[in-house]
C-alpha atoms as a PDB file:
ATOM      1  CA  MET A   1      32.431  12.765  44.897  1.00  0.00           C
ATOM      2  CA  TYR A   2      31.783  10.135  42.616  1.00  0.00           C
ATOM      3  CA  GLN A   3      32.320   7.077  44.448  1.00  0.00           C
ATOM      4  CA  THR A   4      29.091   6.348  44.858  1.00  0.00           C
ATOM      5  CA  ASN A   5      27.911   3.763  42.409  1.00  0.00           C
ATOM      6  CA  PHE A   6      24.277   5.360  41.174  1.00  0.00           C
ATOM      7  CA  HIS A   7      24.162   2.848  38.114  1.00  0.00           C
ATOM      8  CA  GLY A   8      24.704  -0.839  39.766  1.00  0.00           C
ATOM      9  CA  THR A   9      25.586  -2.769  36.675  1.00  0.00           C
ATOM     10  CA  ASP A  10      28.552  -3.144  34.911  1.00  0.00           C
ATOM     11  CA  ILE A  11      29.234  -0.501  32.093  1.00  0.00           C
ATOM     12  CA  SER A  12      32.463  -1.432  30.944  1.00  0.00           C
ATOM     13  CA  SER A  13      31.546  -1.935  27.334  1.00  0.00           C
ATOM     14  CA  VAL A  14      28.779   0.410  27.618  1.00  0.00           C
ATOM     15  CA  LYS A  15      28.885   3.864  25.250  1.00  0.00           C
ATOM     16  CA  PHE A  16      27.838   6.629  26.171  1.00  0.00           C
ATOM     17  CA  LEU A  17      27.195  10.765  24.275  1.00  0.00           C
ATOM     18  CA  ILE A  18      27.348  13.285  26.967  1.00  0.00           C
ATOM     19  CA  THR A  19      25.814  16.335  24.339  1.00  0.00           C
ATOM     20  CA  GLY A  20      27.056  19.918  26.252  1.00  0.00           C
ATOM     21  CA  GLY A  21      30.220  17.866  27.686  1.00  0.00           C
ATOM     22  CA  ALA A  22      32.326  20.515  27.953  1.00  0.00           C
ATOM     23  CA  GLY A  23      29.142  22.477  30.289  1.00  0.00           C
ATOM     24  CA  PHE A  24      29.195  22.825  33.717  1.00  0.00           C
ATOM     25  CA  ILE A  25      26.806  19.588  34.622  1.00  0.00           C
ATOM     26  CA  GLY A  26      27.686  17.676  31.336  1.00  0.00           C
ATOM     27  CA  SER A  27      31.619  17.493  32.528  1.00  0.00           C
ATOM     28  CA  ASN A  28      30.516  16.036  36.087  1.00  0.00           C
ATOM     29  CA  ILE A  29      28.397  13.716  33.732  1.00  0.00           C
ATOM     30  CA  VAL A  30      31.419  12.151  32.166  1.00  0.00           C
ATOM     31  CA  GLU A  31      34.141  12.538  35.216  1.00  0.00           C
ATOM     32  CA  TYR A  32      31.307   9.983  37.276  1.00  0.00           C
ATOM     33  CA  LEU A  33      31.362   7.908  33.850  1.00  0.00           C
ATOM     34  CA  ILE A  34      35.208   7.773  33.319  1.00  0.00           C
ATOM     35  CA  HIS A  35      35.706   7.414  37.304  1.00  0.00           C
ATOM     36  CA  HIS A  36      33.205   4.973  37.221  1.00  0.00           C
ATOM     37  CA  GLY A  37      35.000   2.633  33.667  1.00  0.00           C
ATOM     38  CA  ALA A  38      32.563   3.524  31.840  1.00  0.00           C
ATOM     39  CA  GLY A  39      33.784   1.734  28.129  1.00  0.00           C
ATOM     40  CA  SER A  40      33.345   4.598  25.709  1.00  0.00           C
ATOM     41  CA  VAL A  41      32.157   8.345  26.399  1.00  0.00           C
ATOM     42  CA  ARG A  42      31.921  10.797  23.084  1.00  0.00           C
ATOM     43  CA  ILE A  43      31.567  14.262  24.191  1.00  0.00           C
ATOM     44  CA  LEU A  44      29.641  16.794  21.852  1.00  0.00           C
ATOM     45  CA  ASP A  45      30.089  20.540  22.624  1.00  0.00           C
ATOM     46  CA  ASN A  46      30.482  23.696  20.448  1.00  0.00           C
ATOM     47  CA  LEU A  47      32.689  25.523  22.727  1.00  0.00           C
ATOM     48  CA  SER A  48      30.318  28.683  23.543  1.00  0.00           C
ATOM     49  CA  GLU A  49      29.461  27.729  27.239  1.00  0.00           C
ATOM     50  CA  GLY A  50      31.278  25.137  27.805  1.00  0.00           C
ATOM     51  CA  LYS A  51      34.870  25.102  28.731  1.00  0.00           C
ATOM     52  CA  LEU A  52      37.751  23.274  27.038  1.00  0.00           C
ATOM     53  CA  GLU A  53      39.517  23.146  30.469  1.00  0.00           C
ATOM     54  CA  ASN A  54      36.390  21.064  31.882  1.00  0.00           C
ATOM     55  CA  ILE A  55      37.354  17.695  30.308  1.00  0.00           C
ATOM     56  CA  GLU A  56      41.051  18.962  29.519  1.00  0.00           C
ATOM     57  CA  PRO A  57      41.835  16.161  31.915  1.00  0.00           C
ATOM     58  CA  PHE A  58      39.906  13.481  30.045  1.00  0.00           C
ATOM     59  CA  LEU A  59      40.859  14.017  26.413  1.00  0.00           C
ATOM     60  CA  LYS A  60      43.739  12.089  26.878  1.00  0.00           C
ATOM     61  CA  LEU A  61      42.096   8.511  28.019  1.00  0.00           C
ATOM     62  CA  ASP A  62      41.539   6.338  25.053  1.00  0.00           C
ATOM     63  CA  ASN A  63      38.089   5.104  25.757  1.00  0.00           C
ATOM     64  CA  VAL A  64      36.953   9.139  25.407  1.00  0.00           C
ATOM     65  CA  GLU A  65      36.437  10.783  22.507  1.00  0.00           C
ATOM     66  CA  PHE A  66      35.679  14.902  21.726  1.00  0.00           C
ATOM     67  CA  ILE A  67      33.200  16.428  18.598  1.00  0.00           C
ATOM     68  CA  GLU A  68      33.672  19.940  18.496  1.00  0.00           C
ATOM     69  CA  GLY A  69      29.605  20.309  16.944  1.00  0.00           C
ATOM     70  CA  ASP A  70      26.611  22.097  17.349  1.00  0.00           C
ATOM     71  CA  ILE A  71      23.275  20.188  17.685  1.00  0.00           C
ATOM     72  CA  ASP A  72      21.761  22.954  15.441  1.00  0.00           C
ATOM     73  CA  ASP A  73      23.048  20.836  12.413  1.00  0.00           C
ATOM     74  CA  LEU A  74      21.397  17.717  12.377  1.00  0.00           C
ATOM     75  CA  ALA A  75      24.075  16.196  10.315  1.00  0.00           C
ATOM     76  CA  THR A  76      26.486  16.369  13.324  1.00  0.00           C
ATOM     77  CA  CYS A  77      23.839  14.705  15.447  1.00  0.00           C
ATOM     78  CA  GLU A  78      23.722  11.864  13.650  1.00  0.00           C
ATOM     79  CA  THR A  79      27.369  11.452  13.372  1.00  0.00           C
ATOM     80  CA  ALA A  80      27.588  12.026  17.342  1.00  0.00           C
ATOM     81  CA  CYS A  81      25.039   9.075  18.165  1.00  0.00           C
ATOM     82  CA  GLN A  82      26.516   6.210  15.781  1.00  0.00           C
ATOM     83  CA  GLY A  83      27.495   3.314  18.035  1.00  0.00           C
ATOM     84  CA  ILE A  84      26.384   5.056  21.269  1.00  0.00           C
ATOM     85  CA  ASP A  85      24.006   3.315  23.826  1.00  0.00           C
ATOM     86  CA  PHE A  86      22.765   6.466  26.011  1.00  0.00           C
ATOM     87  CA  VAL A  87      22.167   9.882  25.639  1.00  0.00           C
ATOM     88  CA  SER A  88      22.503  12.416  28.392  1.00  0.00           C
ATOM     89  CA  HIS A  89      21.714  15.476  26.558  1.00  0.00           C
ATOM     90  CA  GLN A  90      22.806  18.449  28.559  1.00  0.00           C
ATOM     91  CA  ALA A  91      23.322  20.760  25.399  1.00  0.00           C
ATOM     92  CA  ALA A  92      21.599  23.841  25.659  1.00  0.00           C
ATOM     93  CA  LEU A  93      21.176  27.720  26.295  1.00  0.00           C
ATOM     94  CA  GLY A  94      20.536  28.788  29.566  1.00  0.00           C
ATOM     95  CA  SER A  95      18.709  31.616  31.486  1.00  0.00           C
ATOM     96  CA  VAL A  96      15.695  33.177  31.446  1.00  0.00           C
ATOM     97  CA  PRO A  97      17.310  36.506  30.704  1.00  0.00           C
ATOM     98  CA  ARG A  98      19.065  35.502  27.419  1.00  0.00           C
ATOM     99  CA  SER A  99      15.767  34.136  26.749  1.00  0.00           C
ATOM    100  CA  ILE A 100      13.870  37.507  26.800  1.00  0.00           C
ATOM    101  CA  ALA A 101      17.236  39.185  25.493  1.00  0.00           C
ATOM    102  CA  THR A 102      17.282  36.999  22.795  1.00  0.00           C
ATOM    103  CA  PRO A 103      14.298  34.597  21.754  1.00  0.00           C
ATOM    104  CA  THR A 104      14.836  33.161  18.175  1.00  0.00           C
ATOM    105  CA  ILE A 105      18.651  31.966  19.681  1.00  0.00           C
ATOM    106  CA  THR A 106      17.853  30.303  22.341  1.00  0.00           C
ATOM    107  CA  ASN A 107      15.270  28.759  20.446  1.00  0.00           C
ATOM    108  CA  ASN A 108      17.379  27.519  18.250  1.00  0.00           C
ATOM    109  CA  ALA A 109      19.583  25.672  19.938  1.00  0.00           C
ATOM    110  CA  ASN A 110      16.516  24.389  22.603  1.00  0.00           C
ATOM    111  CA  VAL A 111      14.369  24.031  19.923  1.00  0.00           C
ATOM    112  CA  THR A 112      15.437  23.154  17.029  1.00  0.00           C
ATOM    113  CA  GLY A 113      18.411  21.546  18.266  1.00  0.00           C
ATOM    114  CA  PHE A 114      16.718  19.456  20.871  1.00  0.00           C
ATOM    115  CA  LEU A 115      14.884  17.894  18.080  1.00  0.00           C
ATOM    116  CA  ASN A 116      17.954  16.817  16.086  1.00  0.00           C
ATOM    117  CA  MET A 117      19.757  15.302  18.929  1.00  0.00           C
ATOM    118  CA  LEU A 118      16.079  13.568  19.218  1.00  0.00           C
ATOM    119  CA  THR A 119      15.851  12.105  16.011  1.00  0.00           C
ATOM    120  CA  ALA A 120      19.529  11.552  15.351  1.00  0.00           C
ATOM    121  CA  ALA A 121      19.720   9.515  18.692  1.00  0.00           C
ATOM    122  CA  LYS A 122      16.166   7.384  17.712  1.00  0.00           C
ATOM    123  CA  ASP A 123      17.494   6.837  13.921  1.00  0.00           C
ATOM    124  CA  ALA A 124      20.380   5.521  15.203  1.00  0.00           C
ATOM    125  CA  GLY A 125      18.861   3.458  17.281  1.00  0.00           C
ATOM    126  CA  VAL A 126      20.195   4.638  20.901  1.00  0.00           C
ATOM    127  CA  LYS A 127      18.592   2.300  23.898  1.00  0.00           C
ATOM    128  CA  ARG A 128      17.690   5.492  26.013  1.00  0.00           C
ATOM    129  CA  PHE A 129      18.022   9.335  25.459  1.00  0.00           C
ATOM    130  CA  VAL A 130      18.139  11.061  29.413  1.00  0.00           C
ATOM    131  CA  TYR A 131      17.493  15.049  28.427  1.00  0.00           C
ATOM    132  CA  ALA A 132      17.435  17.797  31.311  1.00  0.00           C
ATOM    133  CA  SER A 133      14.689  20.009  31.528  1.00  0.00           C
ATOM    134  CA  SER A 134      14.126  22.632  33.414  1.00  0.00           C
ATOM    135  CA  SER A 135      11.651  24.257  36.704  1.00  0.00           C
ATOM    136  CA  SER A 136      10.858  27.218  34.797  1.00  0.00           C
ATOM    137  CA  VAL A 137       8.124  24.493  32.789  1.00  0.00           C
ATOM    138  CA  TYR A 138       5.639  25.442  35.756  1.00  0.00           C
ATOM    139  CA  GLY A 139       5.534  29.105  35.613  1.00  0.00           C
ATOM    140  CA  ASP A 140       3.216  31.071  37.583  1.00  0.00           C
ATOM    141  CA  HIS A 141       1.350  27.428  38.962  1.00  0.00           C
ATOM    142  CA  ALA A 142       1.461  28.916  41.922  1.00  0.00           C
ATOM    143  CA  ASP A 143       1.638  25.530  44.745  1.00  0.00           C
ATOM    144  CA  LEU A 144       3.803  24.114  46.473  1.00  0.00           C
ATOM    145  CA  PRO A 145       6.084  21.315  46.529  1.00  0.00           C
ATOM    146  CA  LYS A 146       6.026  21.794  42.897  1.00  0.00           C
ATOM    147  CA  LEU A 147       4.490  18.174  41.356  1.00  0.00           C
ATOM    148  CA  GLU A 148       4.856  16.975  38.050  1.00  0.00           C
ATOM    149  CA  ALA A 149       1.606  16.697  36.571  1.00  0.00           C
ATOM    150  CA  ASN A 150       0.891  20.469  37.627  1.00  0.00           C
ATOM    151  CA  ILE A 151       2.246  23.137  35.419  1.00  0.00           C
ATOM    152  CA  GLY A 152       1.297  27.051  34.590  1.00  0.00           C
ATOM    153  CA  ASN A 153       1.892  29.345  32.324  1.00  0.00           C
ATOM    154  CA  GLN A 154       5.187  29.432  30.933  1.00  0.00           C
ATOM    155  CA  LEU A 155       7.121  33.338  31.990  1.00  0.00           C
ATOM    156  CA  SER A 156      10.545  33.386  29.813  1.00  0.00           C
ATOM    157  CA  PRO A 157      11.133  31.778  26.286  1.00  0.00           C
ATOM    158  CA  TYR A 158      13.635  29.695  27.752  1.00  0.00           C
ATOM    159  CA  ALA A 159      10.573  28.074  29.785  1.00  0.00           C
ATOM    160  CA  VAL A 160       8.887  27.857  26.724  1.00  0.00           C
ATOM    161  CA  THR A 161      11.461  26.309  24.887  1.00  0.00           C
ATOM    162  CA  LYS A 162      12.226  23.582  27.853  1.00  0.00           C
ATOM    163  CA  TYR A 163       8.530  22.656  27.241  1.00  0.00           C
ATOM    164  CA  VAL A 164       8.248  22.000  24.425  1.00  0.00           C
ATOM    165  CA  ASN A 165      11.196  19.905  24.696  1.00  0.00           C
ATOM    166  CA  GLU A 166       8.615  17.645  26.991  1.00  0.00           C
ATOM    167  CA  LEU A 167       6.204  17.502  24.571  1.00  0.00           C
ATOM    168  CA  TYR A 168       8.983  16.248  21.897  1.00  0.00           C
ATOM    169  CA  SER A 169       9.433  13.663  23.967  1.00  0.00           C
ATOM    170  CA  SER A 170       7.015  12.359  25.132  1.00  0.00           C
ATOM    171  CA  VAL A 171       5.447  12.066  21.328  1.00  0.00           C
ATOM    172  CA  PHE A 172       8.873  10.258  20.456  1.00  0.00           C
ATOM    173  CA  ALA A 173       7.949   8.012  23.275  1.00  0.00           C
ATOM    174  CA  ASN A 174       4.584   7.106  21.914  1.00  0.00           C
ATOM    175  CA  CYS A 175       5.033   7.667  18.254  1.00  0.00           C
ATOM    176  CA  TYR A 176       7.989   5.238  18.125  1.00  0.00           C
ATOM    177  CA  GLY A 177       8.005   3.677  21.332  1.00  0.00           C
ATOM    178  CA  PHE A 178      11.592   5.646  21.993  1.00  0.00           C
ATOM    179  CA  GLU A 179      13.078   5.639  25.189  1.00  0.00           C
ATOM    180  CA  THR A 180      13.344   8.599  26.970  1.00  0.00           C
ATOM    181  CA  ILE A 181      13.651  10.764  30.284  1.00  0.00           C
ATOM    182  CA  GLY A 182      13.242  13.972  31.234  1.00  0.00           C
ATOM    183  CA  LEU A 183      14.940  15.600  34.241  1.00  0.00           C
ATOM    184  CA  ARG A 184      13.397  18.881  35.818  1.00  0.00           C
ATOM    185  CA  TYR A 185      16.397  20.448  37.535  1.00  0.00           C
ATOM    186  CA  PHE A 186      16.111  23.097  40.146  1.00  0.00           C
ATOM    187  CA  ASN A 187      18.671  25.448  40.319  1.00  0.00           C
ATOM    188  CA  VAL A 188      21.685  22.989  39.788  1.00  0.00           C
ATOM    189  CA  PHE A 189      25.094  24.673  41.329  1.00  0.00           C
ATOM    190  CA  GLY A 190      28.382  23.112  42.204  1.00  0.00           C
ATOM    191  CA  PRO A 191      32.009  22.493  41.289  1.00  0.00           C
ATOM    192  CA  ARG A 192      32.821  24.409  37.089  1.00  0.00           C
ATOM    193  CA  GLN A 193      29.687  26.402  37.512  1.00  0.00           C
ATOM    194  CA  LYS A 194      30.424  29.589  35.734  1.00  0.00           C
ATOM    195  CA  PRO A 195      30.545  33.168  37.493  1.00  0.00           C
ATOM    196  CA  ASP A 196      31.527  34.932  34.585  1.00  0.00           C
ATOM    197  CA  GLY A 197      29.207  36.408  31.999  1.00  0.00           C
ATOM    198  CA  PRO A 198      25.564  38.149  32.250  1.00  0.00           C
ATOM    199  CA  TYR A 199      24.504  35.547  33.110  1.00  0.00           C
ATOM    200  CA  ALA A 200      25.719  33.795  35.245  1.00  0.00           C
ATOM    201  CA  ALA A 201      23.701  31.897  38.240  1.00  0.00           C
ATOM    202  CA  VAL A 202      23.323  33.375  41.695  1.00  0.00           C
ATOM    203  CA  ILE A 203      25.453  31.293  43.359  1.00  0.00           C
ATOM    204  CA  PRO A 204      28.485  31.082  41.570  1.00  0.00           C
ATOM    205  CA  LEU A 205      27.795  35.207  41.485  1.00  0.00           C
ATOM    206  CA  PHE A 206      27.661  35.576  45.296  1.00  0.00           C
ATOM    207  CA  MET A 207      30.852  33.222  45.662  1.00  0.00           C
ATOM    208  CA  ASP A 208      32.846  34.728  42.858  1.00  0.00           C
ATOM    209  CA  ALA A 209      31.692  38.760  44.942  1.00  0.00           C
ATOM    210  CA  LEU A 210      32.269  37.521  47.962  1.00  0.00           C
ATOM    211  CA  ILE A 211      36.246  36.537  47.004  1.00  0.00           C
ATOM    212  CA  LYS A 212      37.313  39.370  45.196  1.00  0.00           C
ATOM    213  CA  ASN A 213      35.578  41.341  48.245  1.00  0.00           C
ATOM    214  CA  GLU A 214      32.646  42.999  46.716  1.00  0.00           C
ATOM    215  CA  SER A 215      29.227  43.561  47.258  1.00  0.00           C
ATOM    216  CA  PRO A 216      27.309  41.421  45.533  1.00  0.00           C
ATOM    217  CA  MET A 217      23.383  42.008  43.960  1.00  0.00           C
ATOM    218  CA  ILE A 218      19.776  40.667  44.568  1.00  0.00           C
ATOM    219  CA  ASN A 219      17.353  41.300  42.409  1.00  0.00           C
ATOM    220  CA  GLY A 220      14.542  42.425  44.385  1.00  0.00           C
ATOM    221  CA  ASP A 221      13.946  41.728  47.523  1.00  0.00           C
ATOM    222  CA  GLY A 222      15.733  38.801  47.691  1.00  0.00           C
ATOM    223  CA  GLU A 223      12.760  36.900  49.807  1.00  0.00           C
ATOM    224  CA  GLN A 224      12.552  34.746  46.509  1.00  0.00           C
ATOM    225  CA  SER A 225      12.798  30.873  47.549  1.00  0.00           C
ATOM    226  CA  ARG A 226      14.437  27.970  45.386  1.00  0.00           C
ATOM    227  CA  ASP A 227      15.679  24.952  46.037  1.00  0.00           C
ATOM    228  CA  PHE A 228      19.257  24.606  45.292  1.00  0.00           C
ATOM    229  CA  THR A 229      20.090  20.763  44.217  1.00  0.00           C
ATOM    230  CA  PHE A 230      24.180  19.989  44.641  1.00  0.00           C
ATOM    231  CA  VAL A 231      25.505  19.279  41.238  1.00  0.00           C
ATOM    232  CA  VAL A 232      26.072  15.456  42.692  1.00  0.00           C
ATOM    233  CA  ASN A 233      22.398  15.184  43.180  1.00  0.00           C
ATOM    234  CA  ALA A 234      21.882  16.697  39.059  1.00  0.00           C
ATOM    235  CA  VAL A 235      24.730  13.566  37.728  1.00  0.00           C
ATOM    236  CA  GLU A 236      22.868  10.633  40.353  1.00  0.00           C
ATOM    237  CA  ALA A 237      18.970  11.539  38.228  1.00  0.00           C
ATOM    238  CA  ASN A 238      20.799  11.349  35.208  1.00  0.00           C
ATOM    239  CA  ILE A 239      22.769   8.085  35.664  1.00  0.00           C
ATOM    240  CA  ARG A 240      19.609   6.331  37.605  1.00  0.00           C
ATOM    241  CA  ALA A 241      17.335   7.803  34.530  1.00  0.00           C
ATOM    242  CA  MET A 242      19.520   6.083  31.923  1.00  0.00           C
ATOM    243  CA  PHE A 243      19.139   2.717  34.145  1.00  0.00           C
ATOM    244  CA  SER A 244      15.947   2.515  35.686  1.00  0.00           C
ATOM    245  CA  SER A 245      14.177  -1.020  34.838  1.00  0.00           C
ATOM    246  CA  VAL A 246      11.451   0.103  36.928  1.00  0.00           C
ATOM    247  CA  SER A 247       8.087  -0.716  34.567  1.00  0.00           C
ATOM    248  CA  GLY A 248       6.690   2.998  33.060  1.00  0.00           C
ATOM    249  CA  ALA A 249       9.521   5.069  34.111  1.00  0.00           C
ATOM    250  CA  THR A 250      10.683   5.904  30.432  1.00  0.00           C
ATOM    251  CA  GLY A 251       8.484   8.444  29.104  1.00  0.00           C
ATOM    252  CA  LYS A 252       7.878  10.884  31.706  1.00  0.00           C
ATOM    253  CA  VAL A 253       9.688  13.815  33.015  1.00  0.00           C
ATOM    254  CA  TYR A 254      10.853  13.872  37.162  1.00  0.00           C
ATOM    255  CA  ASN A 255      11.804  17.062  39.344  1.00  0.00           C
ATOM    256  CA  VAL A 256      15.976  17.444  40.496  1.00  0.00           C
ATOM    257  CA  ALA A 257      16.284  18.862  43.744  1.00  0.00           C
ATOM    258  CA  PHE A 258      17.026  17.965  47.134  1.00  0.00           C
ATOM    259  CA  GLY A 259      13.550  19.112  48.492  1.00  0.00           C
ATOM    260  CA  GLN A 260      14.216  22.179  50.332  1.00  0.00           C
ATOM    261  CA  ARG A 261      14.605  25.181  49.322  1.00  0.00           C
ATOM    262  CA  ARG A 262      16.642  28.522  50.703  1.00  0.00           C
ATOM    263  CA  THR A 263      15.928  32.784  50.285  1.00  0.00           C
ATOM    264  CA  ILE A 264      18.115  34.696  48.178  1.00  0.00           C
ATOM    265  CA  ASN A 265      19.210  36.622  51.790  1.00  0.00           C
ATOM    266  CA  GLN A 266      19.546  33.503  53.342  1.00  0.00           C
ATOM    267  CA  LEU A 267      21.500  31.669  50.400  1.00  0.00           C
ATOM    268  CA  PHE A 268      23.712  34.983  51.008  1.00  0.00           C
ATOM    269  CA  SER A 269      23.894  35.118  54.665  1.00  0.00           C
ATOM    270  CA  THR A 270      24.944  31.497  54.777  1.00  0.00           C
ATOM    271  CA  LEU A 271      27.826  32.097  52.132  1.00  0.00           C
ATOM    272  CA  LYS A 272      28.650  35.343  54.072  1.00  0.00           C
ATOM    273  CA  ASP A 273      29.494  32.850  57.059  1.00  0.00           C
ATOM    274  CA  LEU A 274      31.277  30.301  55.282  1.00  0.00           C
ATOM    275  CA  SER A 275      33.447  33.495  54.056  1.00  0.00           C
ATOM    276  CA  GLY A 276      34.132  35.050  56.851  1.00  0.00           C
ATOM    277  CA  SER A 277      32.809  38.547  55.060  1.00  0.00           C
ATOM    278  CA  GLU A 278      31.380  41.139  56.704  1.00  0.00           C
ATOM    279  CA  LEU A 279      30.264  43.300  53.258  1.00  0.00           C
ATOM    280  CA  GLU A 280      26.726  43.211  52.597  1.00  0.00           C
ATOM    281  CA  ALA A 281      24.016  42.745  49.560  1.00  0.00           C
ATOM    282  CA  VAL A 282      23.001  45.736  47.291  1.00  0.00           C
ATOM    283  CA  HIS A 283      19.527  45.462  46.139  1.00  0.00           C
ATOM    284  CA  ARG A 284      17.754  46.375  42.509  1.00  0.00           C
ATOM    285  CA  ASP A 285      14.514  45.742  40.951  1.00  0.00           C
ATOM    286  CA  PRO A 286      13.377  42.144  40.146  1.00  0.00           C
ATOM    287  CA  ARG A 287      14.130  40.226  37.570  1.00  0.00           C
ATOM    288  CA  ALA A 288      11.671  39.742  34.418  1.00  0.00           C
ATOM    289  CA  GLY A 289      10.255  36.324  33.732  1.00  0.00           C
ATOM    290  CA  ASP A 290      11.587  34.619  37.186  1.00  0.00           C
ATOM    291  CA  VAL A 291       8.887  32.425  39.352  1.00  0.00           C
ATOM    292  CA  ARG A 292       8.653  34.180  43.485  1.00  0.00           C
ATOM    293  CA  HIS A 293       9.124  30.383  44.583  1.00  0.00           C
ATOM    294  CA  SER A 294       9.953  27.191  44.227  1.00  0.00           C
ATOM    295  CA  LEU A 295      10.479  24.075  46.035  1.00  0.00           C
ATOM    296  CA  ALA A 296      10.254  20.328  44.392  1.00  0.00           C
ATOM    297  CA  ASP A 297       8.350  17.097  45.200  1.00  0.00           C
ATOM    298  CA  ILE A 298      10.943  14.254  44.517  1.00  0.00           C
ATOM    299  CA  SER A 299       9.004  11.504  45.333  1.00  0.00           C
ATOM    300  CA  GLN A 300       8.494  10.277  41.054  1.00  0.00           C
ATOM    301  CA  ALA A 301      11.910  10.017  40.770  1.00  0.00           C
ATOM    302  CA  LYS A 302      12.869   8.352  44.332  1.00  0.00           C
ATOM    303  CA  GLU A 303       9.914   5.677  43.679  1.00  0.00           C
ATOM    304  CA  ARG A 304      10.715   5.545  39.748  1.00  0.00           C
ATOM    305  CA  LEU A 305      14.429   6.790  39.363  1.00  0.00           C
ATOM    306  CA  SER A 306      15.796   4.769  42.805  1.00  0.00           C
ATOM    307  CA  TYR A 307      17.148   8.801  43.140  1.00  0.00           C
ATOM    308  CA  ASP A 308      18.330   9.441  46.378  1.00  0.00           C
ATOM    309  CA  PRO A 309      19.958  12.963  46.999  1.00  0.00           C
ATOM    310  CA  GLN A 310      22.640  12.491  49.912  1.00  0.00           C
ATOM    311  CA  TYR A 311      23.952  16.258  49.484  1.00  0.00           C
ATOM    312  CA  ASP A 312      22.265  19.680  51.086  1.00  0.00           C
ATOM    313  CA  ILE A 313      22.229  22.912  50.169  1.00  0.00           C
ATOM    314  CA  ASP A 314      24.287  23.266  52.854  1.00  0.00           C
ATOM    315  CA  ARG A 315      27.132  20.214  52.198  1.00  0.00           C
ATOM    316  CA  GLY A 316      27.040  21.374  48.491  1.00  0.00           C
ATOM    317  CA  LEU A 317      28.000  25.154  49.259  1.00  0.00           C
ATOM    318  CA  ASP A 318      31.020  24.030  51.589  1.00  0.00           C
ATOM    319  CA  ILE A 319      32.559  21.881  48.421  1.00  0.00           C
ATOM    320  CA  THR A 320      31.064  24.709  46.104  1.00  0.00           C
ATOM    321  CA  PHE A 321      33.345  27.225  47.968  1.00  0.00           C
ATOM    322  CA  GLU A 322      36.133  25.527  48.440  1.00  0.00           C
ATOM    323  CA  TRP A 323      36.118  24.678  44.757  1.00  0.00           C
ATOM    324  CA  PHE A 324      35.729  28.462  43.337  1.00  0.00           C
ATOM    325  CA  LYS A 325      38.200  29.530  46.453  1.00  0.00           C
ATOM    326  CA  LYS A 326      40.851  27.144  44.752  1.00  0.00           C
ATOM    327  CA  ARG A 327      39.924  28.311  41.503  1.00  0.00           C
ATOM    328  CA  PHE A 328      39.426  32.020  41.978  1.00  0.00           C
ATOM    329  CA  GLY A 329      40.724  33.224  45.497  1.00  0.00           C
END
């Protein structure tokens, strides 16, 4: 998947740190960097969400280093940032429902951990700090498509933590001249995404259920819509954000999506066709904290990061379903 060069420069002597690098998106960024001959790739992960199997093929390489540690600990962050040129900060506790159930735990990882990493990276002289934000920041702002400048009231503790990340990033850019770029992910999916656990995302849950010949659950009427984004597009955004030389590109946050939306019912229908299943989904009560519709305007990312996503939802679903069949079938 990673034949295309998103960085446009020689990275054979460049040193990268990927936090959450054993996780879903993080391990895909690691794979891209290794495939393209990065000088060194350091992975920081506490393995609470990430899985060692996601990066196991890379750990035997001379240019890969793994640190098992937690971003809650400032000293660990300081150690991880030493000698690093670029940080891709993916470590976080995701899930709106989890944040509603355990807001302090989500805050510790997503706010305290984020500030630790931001501080450690600045103090270590890192050139640029690229981090994962979320479309949940838009909250109850109803306008579509979503424009970076127009946000509403956040609807969950998770959304609040991601907005705080953006505020801290902006302050560090303004107060210290530290180069930061935030990426508001819109429902990223793809290979290595976990189908297990109480907070799994909808696409891996649907795929896992269909492979097991079980009816999946749909929250509410299923007419809520999302701008589902294949993981290669998220990787592209991270790499392009690291190396963008456009004036004024840093100190800002950008939507990362494909720019199309699909309802949950339509998504399930597509996956039924892919799997050849005749199963019907079971509807349950809507989920607290969820937004009704989501669709990204990606013009700013295109203009300032040269972001040009090539994988629409159907192409991404084909690749992901094949991976799930091999992995779990």
